[in-house]
Amino acid sequence: MKTIKDQYFDGERPLYESRDLRLERVRIGEGESGLKESRHIQTVDCEFEGMYVIWECEDVECRNSHFAESDRAPLWYNRNIRLYDCLIDAPKAFREVDGLTLERIKISDGIETFWYCRDGQLSDLNIENGLYAFMHALQFQISNIQLQGRYIFQYAKNVEIHNAVLDTKDAFWESENCTVYDSELNGEYLGWYSRNLRLVRCRISGTQPLCYCQNLILEDCIFAPDADRALEKSSYSIVK
């Protein structure tokens, strides 16, 4: 594997179609598509500032790297992407990714991120401004997540979440086969029109939660005093 250290790149496609490449303390500045169509890439302590930096790539691992606010839509249409201990300030960070592993990640602008992503293993995440995050996400395992936003997990399928704090309006609308364990769910209109939503040992607050649900299961859940008009027009079962 070739290694590049302490260098700066900018312009259009400076490392296009790279193969078997390790980047250490590299900065990819102004421009577009810095690593587009690349394979078998490692980054350590790198700074990504140009837009669309990692698109149509496969087998990429990023550690201790920063995706700047200017790096709009940095990680789209990829396969087998792994990020550890990274800070993502870029909006719309992930879309159409197959095979995604994230550990100890902070996303400061989670607008429209994780759209149509598949097969995710995520842990220790902090996501701010998660507007429409995880729309149409499929087959995700998520643990230890704090997410602030609105309209999250809409149309998501086969998602399992543990130990979450979700401060959001309209979470899990039209979702299917989603399960949430040991979490706080705060917001309005939780889970409307969902199918096979299962909540286990969760605390639920906010107005009109869980209406129009099909086959909802509640196990050892607590409703806060402000959770008014809950369960209207829903088919559900309560397990204690």
C-alpha atoms as a PDB file:
ATOM      1  CA  MET A   1       0.000   0.000   0.000  1.00  0.00           C
ATOM      2  CA  LYS A   2       1.412   3.369  -1.034  1.00  0.00           C
ATOM      3  CA  THR A   3       1.516   6.068   1.679  1.00  0.00           C
ATOM      4  CA  ILE A   4       1.188   9.842   1.192  1.00  0.00           C
ATOM      5  CA  LYS A   5       2.009  12.060   4.186  1.00  0.00           C
ATOM      6  CA  ASP A   6       1.732  15.759   4.976  1.00  0.00           C
ATOM      7  CA  GLN A   7       0.597  16.917   1.553  1.00  0.00           C
ATOM      8  CA  TYR A   8      -2.058  19.273   0.224  1.00  0.00           C
ATOM      9  CA  PHE A   9      -4.273  18.642  -2.808  1.00  0.00           C
ATOM     10  CA  ASP A  10      -6.920  20.793  -4.449  1.00  0.00           C
ATOM     11  CA  GLY A  11      -8.711  21.221  -7.764  1.00  0.00           C
ATOM     12  CA  GLU A  12     -10.823  18.660  -9.597  1.00  0.00           C
ATOM     13  CA  ARG A  13     -10.277  14.946  -8.872  1.00  0.00           C
ATOM     14  CA  PRO A  14      -6.713  15.202  -7.520  1.00  0.00           C
ATOM     15  CA  LEU A  15      -6.652  11.540  -6.383  1.00  0.00           C
ATOM     16  CA  TYR A  16      -9.215  10.148  -8.793  1.00  0.00           C
ATOM     17  CA  GLU A  17      -9.266   6.342  -9.159  1.00  0.00           C
ATOM     18  CA  SER A  18      -6.604   5.777  -6.522  1.00  0.00           C
ATOM     19  CA  ARG A  19      -5.887   2.206  -5.450  1.00  0.00           C
ATOM     20  CA  ASP A  20      -4.331   0.777  -2.272  1.00  0.00           C
ATOM     21  CA  LEU A  21      -3.519   4.192  -0.833  1.00  0.00           C
ATOM     22  CA  ARG A  22      -2.925   5.390   2.749  1.00  0.00           C
ATOM     23  CA  LEU A  23      -3.211   9.104   3.497  1.00  0.00           C
ATOM     24  CA  GLU A  24      -1.667  10.512   6.687  1.00  0.00           C
ATOM     25  CA  ARG A  25      -2.146  14.166   7.691  1.00  0.00           C
ATOM     26  CA  VAL A  26      -3.300  14.985   4.165  1.00  0.00           C
ATOM     27  CA  ARG A  27      -5.521  17.962   3.386  1.00  0.00           C
ATOM     28  CA  ILE A  28      -7.819  17.906   0.362  1.00  0.00           C
ATOM     29  CA  GLY A  29      -8.843  21.515  -0.152  1.00  0.00           C
ATOM     30  CA  GLU A  30     -11.051  23.463  -2.510  1.00  0.00           C
ATOM     31  CA  GLY A  31     -12.397  21.509  -5.476  1.00  0.00           C
ATOM     32  CA  GLU A  32     -14.563  18.475  -6.117  1.00  0.00           C
ATOM     33  CA  SER A  33     -14.372  14.684  -6.068  1.00  0.00           C
ATOM     34  CA  GLY A  34     -10.961  14.347  -4.442  1.00  0.00           C
ATOM     35  CA  LEU A  35     -11.059  10.535  -4.102  1.00  0.00           C
ATOM     36  CA  LYS A  36     -13.869   9.642  -6.468  1.00  0.00           C
ATOM     37  CA  GLU A  37     -13.921   6.075  -7.892  1.00  0.00           C
ATOM     38  CA  SER A  38     -11.134   4.914  -5.550  1.00  0.00           C
ATOM     39  CA  ARG A  39     -10.585   1.507  -3.903  1.00  0.00           C
ATOM     40  CA  HIS A  40      -8.867   0.265  -0.736  1.00  0.00           C
ATOM     41  CA  ILE A  41      -8.175   3.638   0.884  1.00  0.00           C
ATOM     42  CA  GLN A  42      -7.090   4.480   4.440  1.00  0.00           C
ATOM     43  CA  THR A  43      -7.049   7.998   5.907  1.00  0.00           C
ATOM     44  CA  VAL A  44      -5.555   9.033   9.261  1.00  0.00           C
ATOM     45  CA  ASP A  45      -5.637  12.584  10.677  1.00  0.00           C
ATOM     46  CA  CYS A  46      -6.834  14.015   7.371  1.00  0.00           C
ATOM     47  CA  GLU A  47      -8.798  17.174   6.546  1.00  0.00           C
ATOM     48  CA  PHE A  48     -11.430  17.119   3.785  1.00  0.00           C
ATOM     49  CA  GLU A  49     -12.689  20.507   2.586  1.00  0.00           C
ATOM     50  CA  GLY A  50     -13.629  20.065  -1.076  1.00  0.00           C
ATOM     51  CA  MET A  51     -17.086  18.877  -2.064  1.00  0.00           C
ATOM     52  CA  TYR A  52     -18.084  15.273  -2.885  1.00  0.00           C
ATOM     53  CA  VAL A  53     -14.733  13.984  -1.682  1.00  0.00           C
ATOM     54  CA  ILE A  54     -15.521  10.247  -1.422  1.00  0.00           C
ATOM     55  CA  TRP A  55     -18.026   9.131  -4.085  1.00  0.00           C
ATOM     56  CA  GLU A  56     -18.400   5.778  -5.852  1.00  0.00           C
ATOM     57  CA  CYS A  57     -15.627   4.328  -3.691  1.00  0.00           C
ATOM     58  CA  GLU A  58     -15.154   0.896  -2.142  1.00  0.00           C
ATOM     59  CA  ASP A  59     -13.365  -0.275   1.005  1.00  0.00           C
ATOM     60  CA  VAL A  60     -12.518   3.062   2.635  1.00  0.00           C
ATOM     61  CA  GLU A  61     -11.457   3.474   6.266  1.00  0.00           C
ATOM     62  CA  CYS A  62     -11.161   6.919   7.874  1.00  0.00           C
ATOM     63  CA  ARG A  63      -9.700   7.510  11.350  1.00  0.00           C
ATOM     64  CA  ASN A  64      -9.422  10.754  13.304  1.00  0.00           C
ATOM     65  CA  SER A  65     -10.345  12.739  10.215  1.00  0.00           C
ATOM     66  CA  HIS A  66     -12.448  15.866   9.721  1.00  0.00           C
ATOM     67  CA  PHE A  67     -15.054  16.498   7.035  1.00  0.00           C
ATOM     68  CA  ALA A  68     -15.398  20.289   6.978  1.00  0.00           C
ATOM     69  CA  GLU A  69     -18.605  22.240   6.470  1.00  0.00           C
ATOM     70  CA  SER A  70     -17.487  23.100   2.940  1.00  0.00           C
ATOM     71  CA  ASP A  71     -17.254  19.376   2.086  1.00  0.00           C
ATOM     72  CA  ARG A  72     -20.903  19.132   1.105  1.00  0.00           C
ATOM     73  CA  ALA A  73     -22.267  15.611   0.486  1.00  0.00           C
ATOM     74  CA  PRO A  74     -18.899  13.939   1.138  1.00  0.00           C
ATOM     75  CA  LEU A  75     -19.782  10.225   1.217  1.00  0.00           C
ATOM     76  CA  TRP A  76     -22.301   9.136  -1.407  1.00  0.00           C
ATOM     77  CA  TYR A  77     -22.763   5.967  -3.502  1.00  0.00           C
ATOM     78  CA  ASN A  78     -20.083   3.977  -1.682  1.00  0.00           C
ATOM     79  CA  ARG A  79     -19.552   0.382  -0.593  1.00  0.00           C
ATOM     80  CA  ASN A  80     -17.950  -0.824   2.637  1.00  0.00           C
ATOM     81  CA  ILE A  81     -17.123   2.439   4.381  1.00  0.00           C
ATOM     82  CA  ARG A  82     -15.717   2.591   7.936  1.00  0.00           C
ATOM     83  CA  LEU A  83     -15.250   5.726  10.050  1.00  0.00           C
ATOM     84  CA  TYR A  84     -13.758   5.869  13.552  1.00  0.00           C
ATOM     85  CA  ASP A  85     -13.318   8.920  15.819  1.00  0.00           C
ATOM     86  CA  CYS A  86     -14.226  11.402  13.090  1.00  0.00           C
ATOM     87  CA  LEU A  87     -15.904  14.808  13.143  1.00  0.00           C
ATOM     88  CA  ILE A  88     -18.368  15.525  10.327  1.00  0.00           C
ATOM     89  CA  ASP A  89     -19.421  19.155   9.907  1.00  0.00           C
ATOM     90  CA  ALA A  90     -20.476  18.601   6.295  1.00  0.00           C
ATOM     91  CA  PRO A  91     -24.229  18.536   5.514  1.00  0.00           C
ATOM     92  CA  LYS A  92     -25.879  15.600   3.742  1.00  0.00           C
ATOM     93  CA  ALA A  93     -22.922  13.383   4.626  1.00  0.00           C
ATOM     94  CA  PHE A  94     -24.129   9.881   3.662  1.00  0.00           C
ATOM     95  CA  ARG A  95     -26.414   8.680   0.892  1.00  0.00           C
ATOM     96  CA  GLU A  96     -26.805   5.389  -0.985  1.00  0.00           C
ATOM     97  CA  VAL A  97     -24.045   3.637   0.979  1.00  0.00           C
ATOM     98  CA  ASP A  98     -23.952  -0.177   1.139  1.00  0.00           C
ATOM     99  CA  GLY A  99     -22.072  -1.454   4.181  1.00  0.00           C
ATOM    100  CA  LEU A 100     -21.420   1.300   6.706  1.00  0.00           C
ATOM    101  CA  THR A 101     -19.577   1.126  10.037  1.00  0.00           C
ATOM    102  CA  LEU A 102     -19.357   4.180  12.302  1.00  0.00           C
ATOM    103  CA  GLU A 103     -17.869   4.337  15.809  1.00  0.00           C
ATOM    104  CA  ARG A 104     -17.432   7.429  17.994  1.00  0.00           C
ATOM    105  CA  ILE A 105     -18.639   9.939  15.429  1.00  0.00           C
ATOM    106  CA  LYS A 106     -20.006  13.455  15.859  1.00  0.00           C
ATOM    107  CA  ILE A 107     -22.137  14.923  13.071  1.00  0.00           C
ATOM    108  CA  SER A 108     -22.830  18.624  13.656  1.00  0.00           C
ATOM    109  CA  ASP A 109     -25.129  19.013  10.641  1.00  0.00           C
ATOM    110  CA  GLY A 110     -27.179  15.853  10.157  1.00  0.00           C
ATOM    111  CA  ILE A 111     -29.563  17.270   7.571  1.00  0.00           C
ATOM    112  CA  GLU A 112     -30.692  14.625   5.078  1.00  0.00           C
ATOM    113  CA  THR A 113     -27.956  12.198   6.065  1.00  0.00           C
ATOM    114  CA  PHE A 114     -28.113   8.368   5.771  1.00  0.00           C
ATOM    115  CA  TRP A 115     -30.741   8.530   3.019  1.00  0.00           C
ATOM    116  CA  TYR A 116     -31.210   5.162   1.311  1.00  0.00           C
ATOM    117  CA  CYS A 117     -28.215   3.681   3.157  1.00  0.00           C
ATOM    118  CA  ARG A 118     -28.149  -0.068   3.717  1.00  0.00           C
ATOM    119  CA  ASP A 119     -26.496  -2.520   6.109  1.00  0.00           C
ATOM    120  CA  GLY A 120     -25.224  -0.162   8.830  1.00  0.00           C
ATOM    121  CA  GLN A 121     -23.471  -0.849  12.126  1.00  0.00           C
ATOM    122  CA  LEU A 122     -23.367   2.401  14.116  1.00  0.00           C
ATOM    123  CA  SER A 123     -22.293   3.054  17.713  1.00  0.00           C
ATOM    124  CA  ASP A 124     -21.513   6.074  19.910  1.00  0.00           C
ATOM    125  CA  LEU A 125     -22.964   8.774  17.668  1.00  0.00           C
ATOM    126  CA  ASN A 126     -23.927  12.356  18.395  1.00  0.00           C
ATOM    127  CA  ILE A 127     -26.015  13.927  15.630  1.00  0.00           C
ATOM    128  CA  GLU A 128     -27.263  17.516  15.615  1.00  0.00           C
ATOM    129  CA  ASN A 129     -29.724  19.097  13.174  1.00  0.00           C
ATOM    130  CA  GLY A 130     -30.819  15.658  11.999  1.00  0.00           C
ATOM    131  CA  LEU A 131     -33.533  16.907   9.666  1.00  0.00           C
ATOM    132  CA  TYR A 132     -34.927  13.895   7.761  1.00  0.00           C
ATOM    133  CA  ALA A 133     -31.984  11.744   8.873  1.00  0.00           C
ATOM    134  CA  PHE A 134     -32.173   8.009   8.052  1.00  0.00           C
ATOM    135  CA  MET A 135     -34.952   8.323   5.497  1.00  0.00           C
ATOM    136  CA  HIS A 136     -35.434   4.950   3.769  1.00  0.00           C
ATOM    137  CA  ALA A 137     -32.550   3.447   5.784  1.00  0.00           C
ATOM    138  CA  LEU A 138     -32.514  -0.357   5.582  1.00  0.00           C
ATOM    139  CA  GLN A 139     -31.032  -2.995   7.878  1.00  0.00           C
ATOM    140  CA  PHE A 140     -29.330  -0.907  10.582  1.00  0.00           C
ATOM    141  CA  GLN A 141     -27.997  -1.835  14.029  1.00  0.00           C
ATOM    142  CA  ILE A 142     -27.510   1.296  16.157  1.00  0.00           C
ATOM    143  CA  SER A 143     -26.362   1.720  19.772  1.00  0.00           C
ATOM    144  CA  ASN A 144     -25.572   4.674  22.030  1.00  0.00           C
ATOM    145  CA  ILE A 145     -26.875   7.472  19.850  1.00  0.00           C
ATOM    146  CA  GLN A 146     -27.992  10.994  20.697  1.00  0.00           C
ATOM    147  CA  LEU A 147     -29.926  12.600  17.874  1.00  0.00           C
ATOM    148  CA  GLN A 148     -31.589  16.005  17.725  1.00  0.00           C
ATOM    149  CA  GLY A 149     -33.667  16.809  14.674  1.00  0.00           C
ATOM    150  CA  ARG A 150     -37.008  16.286  12.973  1.00  0.00           C
ATOM    151  CA  TYR A 151     -38.629  13.623  10.799  1.00  0.00           C
ATOM    152  CA  ILE A 152     -36.021  10.919  11.444  1.00  0.00           C
ATOM    153  CA  PHE A 153     -36.272   7.271  10.350  1.00  0.00           C
ATOM    154  CA  GLN A 154     -39.154   7.956   7.985  1.00  0.00           C
ATOM    155  CA  TYR A 155     -39.787   4.916   5.753  1.00  0.00           C
ATOM    156  CA  ALA A 156     -36.908   3.082   7.487  1.00  0.00           C
ATOM    157  CA  LYS A 157     -37.054  -0.726   7.548  1.00  0.00           C
ATOM    158  CA  ASN A 158     -35.447  -3.405   9.716  1.00  0.00           C
ATOM    159  CA  VAL A 159     -33.746  -1.027  12.159  1.00  0.00           C
ATOM    160  CA  GLU A 160     -32.716  -1.984  15.708  1.00  0.00           C
ATOM    161  CA  ILE A 161     -31.718   0.733  18.183  1.00  0.00           C
ATOM    162  CA  HIS A 162     -30.308   0.454  21.724  1.00  0.00           C
ATOM    163  CA  ASN A 163     -29.670   3.161  24.327  1.00  0.00           C
ATOM    164  CA  ALA A 164     -30.752   6.203  22.362  1.00  0.00           C
ATOM    165  CA  VAL A 165     -31.920   9.699  23.189  1.00  0.00           C
ATOM    166  CA  LEU A 166     -34.017  10.906  20.260  1.00  0.00           C
ATOM    167  CA  ASP A 167     -35.261  14.494  20.477  1.00  0.00           C
ATOM    168  CA  THR A 168     -37.267  14.749  17.306  1.00  0.00           C
ATOM    169  CA  LYS A 169     -40.638  15.403  15.777  1.00  0.00           C
ATOM    170  CA  ASP A 170     -42.354  12.769  13.620  1.00  0.00           C
ATOM    171  CA  ALA A 171     -39.847   9.961  14.162  1.00  0.00           C
ATOM    172  CA  PHE A 172     -40.521   6.551  12.539  1.00  0.00           C
ATOM    173  CA  TRP A 173     -43.374   7.698  10.289  1.00  0.00           C
ATOM    174  CA  GLU A 174     -44.243   4.937   7.805  1.00  0.00           C
ATOM    175  CA  SER A 175     -41.392   2.815   9.206  1.00  0.00           C
ATOM    176  CA  GLU A 176     -41.513  -0.986   9.128  1.00  0.00           C
ATOM    177  CA  ASN A 177     -40.026  -3.646  11.414  1.00  0.00           C
ATOM    178  CA  CYS A 178     -38.157  -1.232  13.693  1.00  0.00           C
ATOM    179  CA  THR A 179     -37.317  -2.004  17.338  1.00  0.00           C
ATOM    180  CA  VAL A 180     -36.060   0.425  19.988  1.00  0.00           C
ATOM    181  CA  TYR A 181     -34.660  -0.693  23.366  1.00  0.00           C
ATOM    182  CA  ASP A 182     -33.896   1.263  26.562  1.00  0.00           C
ATOM    183  CA  SER A 183     -34.275   4.716  25.029  1.00  0.00           C
ATOM    184  CA  GLU A 184     -35.836   8.155  25.487  1.00  0.00           C
ATOM    185  CA  LEU A 185     -38.155   9.226  22.679  1.00  0.00           C
ATOM    186  CA  ASN A 186     -39.032  12.902  22.936  1.00  0.00           C
ATOM    187  CA  GLY A 187     -41.137  14.739  20.363  1.00  0.00           C
ATOM    188  CA  GLU A 188     -44.463  15.002  18.612  1.00  0.00           C
ATOM    189  CA  TYR A 189     -46.358  12.417  16.531  1.00  0.00           C
ATOM    190  CA  LEU A 190     -44.026   9.488  17.179  1.00  0.00           C
ATOM    191  CA  GLY A 191     -44.429   6.493  14.908  1.00  0.00           C
ATOM    192  CA  TRP A 192     -47.551   7.488  12.997  1.00  0.00           C
ATOM    193  CA  TYR A 193     -48.521   4.995  10.274  1.00  0.00           C
ATOM    194  CA  SER A 194     -45.686   2.640  11.282  1.00  0.00           C
ATOM    195  CA  ARG A 195     -45.882  -1.117  10.840  1.00  0.00           C
ATOM    196  CA  ASN A 196     -44.495  -3.612  13.349  1.00  0.00           C
ATOM    197  CA  LEU A 197     -42.862  -0.973  15.539  1.00  0.00           C
ATOM    198  CA  ARG A 198     -41.654  -2.445  18.847  1.00  0.00           C
ATOM    199  CA  LEU A 199     -40.615  -0.307  21.826  1.00  0.00           C
ATOM    200  CA  VAL A 200     -38.966  -2.002  24.814  1.00  0.00           C
ATOM    201  CA  ARG A 201     -38.268  -0.213  28.124  1.00  0.00           C
ATOM    202  CA  CYS A 202     -38.611   3.213  26.535  1.00  0.00           C
ATOM    203  CA  ARG A 203     -39.774   6.533  27.954  1.00  0.00           C
ATOM    204  CA  ILE A 204     -42.114   8.351  25.564  1.00  0.00           C
ATOM    205  CA  SER A 205     -42.893  12.062  25.770  1.00  0.00           C
ATOM    206  CA  GLY A 206     -44.562  14.555  23.449  1.00  0.00           C
ATOM    207  CA  THR A 207     -48.037  15.024  22.100  1.00  0.00           C
ATOM    208  CA  GLN A 208     -50.064  12.423  20.182  1.00  0.00           C
ATOM    209  CA  PRO A 209     -47.557   9.564  19.999  1.00  0.00           C
ATOM    210  CA  LEU A 210     -48.141   6.266  18.231  1.00  0.00           C
ATOM    211  CA  CYS A 211     -51.326   6.917  16.296  1.00  0.00           C
ATOM    212  CA  TYR A 212     -52.450   4.972  13.221  1.00  0.00           C
ATOM    213  CA  CYS A 213     -49.875   2.242  13.928  1.00  0.00           C
ATOM    214  CA  GLN A 214     -50.257  -1.333  12.700  1.00  0.00           C
ATOM    215  CA  ASN A 215     -49.156  -4.137  15.015  1.00  0.00           C
ATOM    216  CA  LEU A 216     -47.416  -1.896  17.554  1.00  0.00           C
ATOM    217  CA  ILE A 217     -45.825  -3.645  20.566  1.00  0.00           C
ATOM    218  CA  LEU A 218     -45.042  -1.832  23.819  1.00  0.00           C
ATOM    219  CA  GLU A 219     -42.982  -3.656  26.476  1.00  0.00           C
ATOM    220  CA  ASP A 220     -42.401  -2.016  29.880  1.00  0.00           C
ATOM    221  CA  CYS A 221     -42.709   1.482  28.415  1.00  0.00           C
ATOM    222  CA  ILE A 222     -43.515   4.693  30.289  1.00  0.00           C
ATOM    223  CA  PHE A 223     -45.587   7.558  28.879  1.00  0.00           C
ATOM    224  CA  ALA A 224     -44.771  11.025  30.204  1.00  0.00           C
ATOM    225  CA  PRO A 225     -47.677  13.271  31.334  1.00  0.00           C
ATOM    226  CA  ASP A 226     -47.483  15.308  28.119  1.00  0.00           C
ATOM    227  CA  ALA A 227     -48.034  12.263  25.889  1.00  0.00           C
ATOM    228  CA  ASP A 228     -51.672  13.092  25.273  1.00  0.00           C
ATOM    229  CA  ARG A 229     -53.975  11.335  22.814  1.00  0.00           C
ATOM    230  CA  ALA A 230     -51.618   8.394  22.518  1.00  0.00           C
ATOM    231  CA  LEU A 231     -52.452   5.283  20.492  1.00  0.00           C
ATOM    232  CA  GLU A 232     -55.431   6.703  18.620  1.00  0.00           C
ATOM    233  CA  LYS A 233     -56.556   4.488  15.731  1.00  0.00           C
ATOM    234  CA  SER A 234     -53.694   2.036  16.381  1.00  0.00           C
ATOM    235  CA  SER A 235     -53.629  -1.729  16.652  1.00  0.00           C
ATOM    236  CA  TYR A 236     -51.289  -2.541  19.514  1.00  0.00           C
ATOM    237  CA  SER A 237     -50.405  -4.842  22.368  1.00  0.00           C
ATOM    238  CA  ILE A 238     -48.901  -3.933  25.746  1.00  0.00           C
ATOM    239  CA  VAL A 239     -46.507  -6.339  27.490  1.00  0.00           C
ATOM    240  CA  LYS A 240     -45.515  -5.816  31.132  1.00  0.00           C
END
